[in-house]
């Protein structure tokens, strides 16, 4: 599945509800899911981590949908097929 397809799936399912909640309320759900991801990682719970990563991705897409941002385009513009600092692929920047 492409990012654009994921975003469209979430828009079909939840955009109306997300718009009613608003960008701020939807963003707060995203932040809550990031907190749950932190707990899952800290607890070394692979299955919870997997689930929370999916939630973070979904809520990120929901925020983007409300704002009318195509995440696939935004990501490709921000992260081209090379390191932005050193220009190499893979990155050769010092740690």
C-alpha atoms as a PDB file:
ATOM      1  CA  UNK A   1       0.000   0.000   0.000  1.00  0.00           C
ATOM      2  CA  UNK A   2       1.282   3.444  -0.863  1.00  0.00           C
ATOM      3  CA  UNK A   3       1.097   6.276   1.629  1.00  0.00           C
ATOM      4  CA  UNK A   4      -1.486   8.006  -0.545  1.00  0.00           C
ATOM      5  CA  UNK A   5      -3.667   4.873  -0.445  1.00  0.00           C
ATOM      6  CA  UNK A   6      -3.347   4.652   3.336  1.00  0.00           C
ATOM      7  CA  UNK A   7      -4.338   8.282   3.642  1.00  0.00           C
ATOM      8  CA  UNK A   8      -7.329   7.764   1.337  1.00  0.00           C
ATOM      9  CA  UNK A   9      -8.481   4.721   3.332  1.00  0.00           C
ATOM     10  CA  UNK A  10      -8.426   6.727   6.555  1.00  0.00           C
ATOM     11  CA  UNK A  11     -10.208   9.647   4.889  1.00  0.00           C
ATOM     12  CA  UNK A  12     -12.959   7.313   3.665  1.00  0.00           C
ATOM     13  CA  UNK A  13     -13.363   5.901   7.155  1.00  0.00           C
ATOM     14  CA  UNK A  14     -12.828   8.866   9.459  1.00  0.00           C
ATOM     15  CA  UNK A  15     -12.454  12.249   7.724  1.00  0.00           C
ATOM     16  CA  UNK A  16     -15.949  13.449   8.616  1.00  0.00           C
ATOM     17  CA  UNK A  17     -15.409  12.630  12.312  1.00  0.00           C
ATOM     18  CA  UNK A  18     -11.869  14.028  12.239  1.00  0.00           C
ATOM     19  CA  UNK A  19     -13.095  17.326  10.777  1.00  0.00           C
ATOM     20  CA  UNK A  20     -15.723  17.622  13.509  1.00  0.00           C
ATOM     21  CA  UNK A  21     -13.030  16.973  16.131  1.00  0.00           C
ATOM     22  CA  UNK A  22     -10.752  19.496  14.440  1.00  0.00           C
ATOM     23  CA  UNK A  23      -7.042  19.529  13.843  1.00  0.00           C
ATOM     24  CA  UNK A  24      -6.193  20.301  17.467  1.00  0.00           C
ATOM     25  CA  UNK A  25      -8.302  17.475  18.875  1.00  0.00           C
ATOM     26  CA  UNK A  26      -7.030  15.033  16.290  1.00  0.00           C
ATOM     27  CA  UNK A  27      -3.456  16.081  16.982  1.00  0.00           C
ATOM     28  CA  UNK A  28      -4.010  15.422  20.695  1.00  0.00           C
ATOM     29  CA  UNK A  29      -5.031  11.849  19.825  1.00  0.00           C
ATOM     30  CA  UNK A  30      -1.797  11.530  17.845  1.00  0.00           C
ATOM     31  CA  UNK A  31       0.226  12.722  20.822  1.00  0.00           C
ATOM     32  CA  UNK A  32      -1.569  10.236  23.081  1.00  0.00           C
ATOM     33  CA  UNK A  33      -0.692   7.415  20.688  1.00  0.00           C
ATOM     34  CA  UNK A  34       2.964   8.513  20.668  1.00  0.00           C
ATOM     35  CA  UNK A  35       2.894   8.243  24.459  1.00  0.00           C
ATOM     36  CA  UNK A  36       1.456   4.739  24.233  1.00  0.00           C
ATOM     37  CA  UNK A  37       4.193   3.860  21.733  1.00  0.00           C
ATOM     38  CA  UNK A  38       6.780   5.076  24.216  1.00  0.00           C
ATOM     39  CA  UNK A  39       5.400   2.791  26.909  1.00  0.00           C
ATOM     40  CA  UNK A  40       5.321  -0.197  24.551  1.00  0.00           C
ATOM     41  CA  UNK A  41       8.940   0.387  23.529  1.00  0.00           C
ATOM     42  CA  UNK A  42      10.049   0.867  27.120  1.00  0.00           C
ATOM     43  CA  UNK A  43       8.284  -2.356  28.091  1.00  0.00           C
ATOM     44  CA  UNK A  44       9.919  -4.154  25.147  1.00  0.00           C
ATOM     45  CA  UNK A  45       6.467  -5.340  24.093  1.00  0.00           C
ATOM     46  CA  UNK A  46       6.865  -6.137  20.402  1.00  0.00           C
ATOM     47  CA  UNK A  47       3.162  -6.662  19.676  1.00  0.00           C
ATOM     48  CA  UNK A  48       2.061  -3.497  21.495  1.00  0.00           C
ATOM     49  CA  UNK A  49       4.845  -1.559  19.735  1.00  0.00           C
ATOM     50  CA  UNK A  50       3.641  -2.841  16.385  1.00  0.00           C
ATOM     51  CA  UNK A  51       0.068  -1.828  17.178  1.00  0.00           C
ATOM     52  CA  UNK A  52       1.024   1.608  18.483  1.00  0.00           C
ATOM     53  CA  UNK A  53       3.190   2.302  15.414  1.00  0.00           C
ATOM     54  CA  UNK A  54       0.123   1.619  13.277  1.00  0.00           C
ATOM     55  CA  UNK A  55      -1.909   3.991  15.459  1.00  0.00           C
ATOM     56  CA  UNK A  56       0.710   6.749  15.187  1.00  0.00           C
ATOM     57  CA  UNK A  57       0.756   6.347  11.412  1.00  0.00           C
ATOM     58  CA  UNK A  58      -3.051   6.453  11.251  1.00  0.00           C
ATOM     59  CA  UNK A  59      -3.412   9.549  13.418  1.00  0.00           C
ATOM     60  CA  UNK A  60      -0.616  11.292  11.495  1.00  0.00           C
ATOM     61  CA  UNK A  61      -2.522  10.621   8.283  1.00  0.00           C
ATOM     62  CA  UNK A  62      -5.733  11.906   9.891  1.00  0.00           C
ATOM     63  CA  UNK A  63      -4.074  15.201  10.838  1.00  0.00           C
ATOM     64  CA  UNK A  64      -2.720  15.510   7.292  1.00  0.00           C
ATOM     65  CA  UNK A  65      -6.169  14.768   5.836  1.00  0.00           C
ATOM     66  CA  UNK A  66      -7.797  17.532   7.862  1.00  0.00           C
ATOM     67  CA  UNK A  67      -5.119  19.971   6.694  1.00  0.00           C
ATOM     68  CA  UNK A  68      -5.292  18.811   3.067  1.00  0.00           C
ATOM     69  CA  UNK A  69      -1.657  17.679   3.024  1.00  0.00           C
ATOM     70  CA  UNK A  70      -0.624  14.806   0.772  1.00  0.00           C
ATOM     71  CA  UNK A  71       1.841  12.943   2.998  1.00  0.00           C
ATOM     72  CA  UNK A  72       3.397  11.032   0.126  1.00  0.00           C
ATOM     73  CA  UNK A  73       4.279  14.269  -1.681  1.00  0.00           C
ATOM     74  CA  UNK A  74       5.440  15.943   1.528  1.00  0.00           C
ATOM     75  CA  UNK A  75       7.646  12.995   2.449  1.00  0.00           C
ATOM     76  CA  UNK A  76       9.187  12.708  -1.013  1.00  0.00           C
ATOM     77  CA  UNK A  77       9.976  16.428  -1.037  1.00  0.00           C
ATOM     78  CA  UNK A  78      11.441  16.398   2.474  1.00  0.00           C
ATOM     79  CA  UNK A  79      13.347  13.088   2.139  1.00  0.00           C
ATOM     80  CA  UNK A  80      14.759  12.597  -1.363  1.00  0.00           C
ATOM     81  CA  UNK A  81      16.664   9.472  -2.302  1.00  0.00           C
ATOM     82  CA  UNK A  82      19.855  10.681  -0.617  1.00  0.00           C
ATOM     83  CA  UNK A  83      21.025  12.201   2.660  1.00  0.00           C
ATOM     84  CA  UNK A  84      20.282  15.924   2.726  1.00  0.00           C
ATOM     85  CA  UNK A  85      23.492  16.717   4.646  1.00  0.00           C
ATOM     86  CA  UNK A  86      26.166  14.581   2.976  1.00  0.00           C
ATOM     87  CA  UNK A  87      24.361  13.732  -0.268  1.00  0.00           C
ATOM     88  CA  UNK A  88      25.245  10.029   0.042  1.00  0.00           C
ATOM     89  CA  UNK A  89      23.063   6.933  -0.116  1.00  0.00           C
ATOM     90  CA  UNK A  90      23.252   5.473   2.435  1.00  0.00           C
ATOM     91  CA  UNK A  91      24.073   8.385   4.695  1.00  0.00           C
ATOM     92  CA  UNK A  92      27.758   8.711   5.547  1.00  0.00           C
ATOM     93  CA  UNK A  93      27.409  11.551   8.045  1.00  0.00           C
ATOM     94  CA  UNK A  94      29.355  11.052  11.268  1.00  0.00           C
ATOM     95  CA  UNK A  95      27.236  10.163  14.270  1.00  0.00           C
END
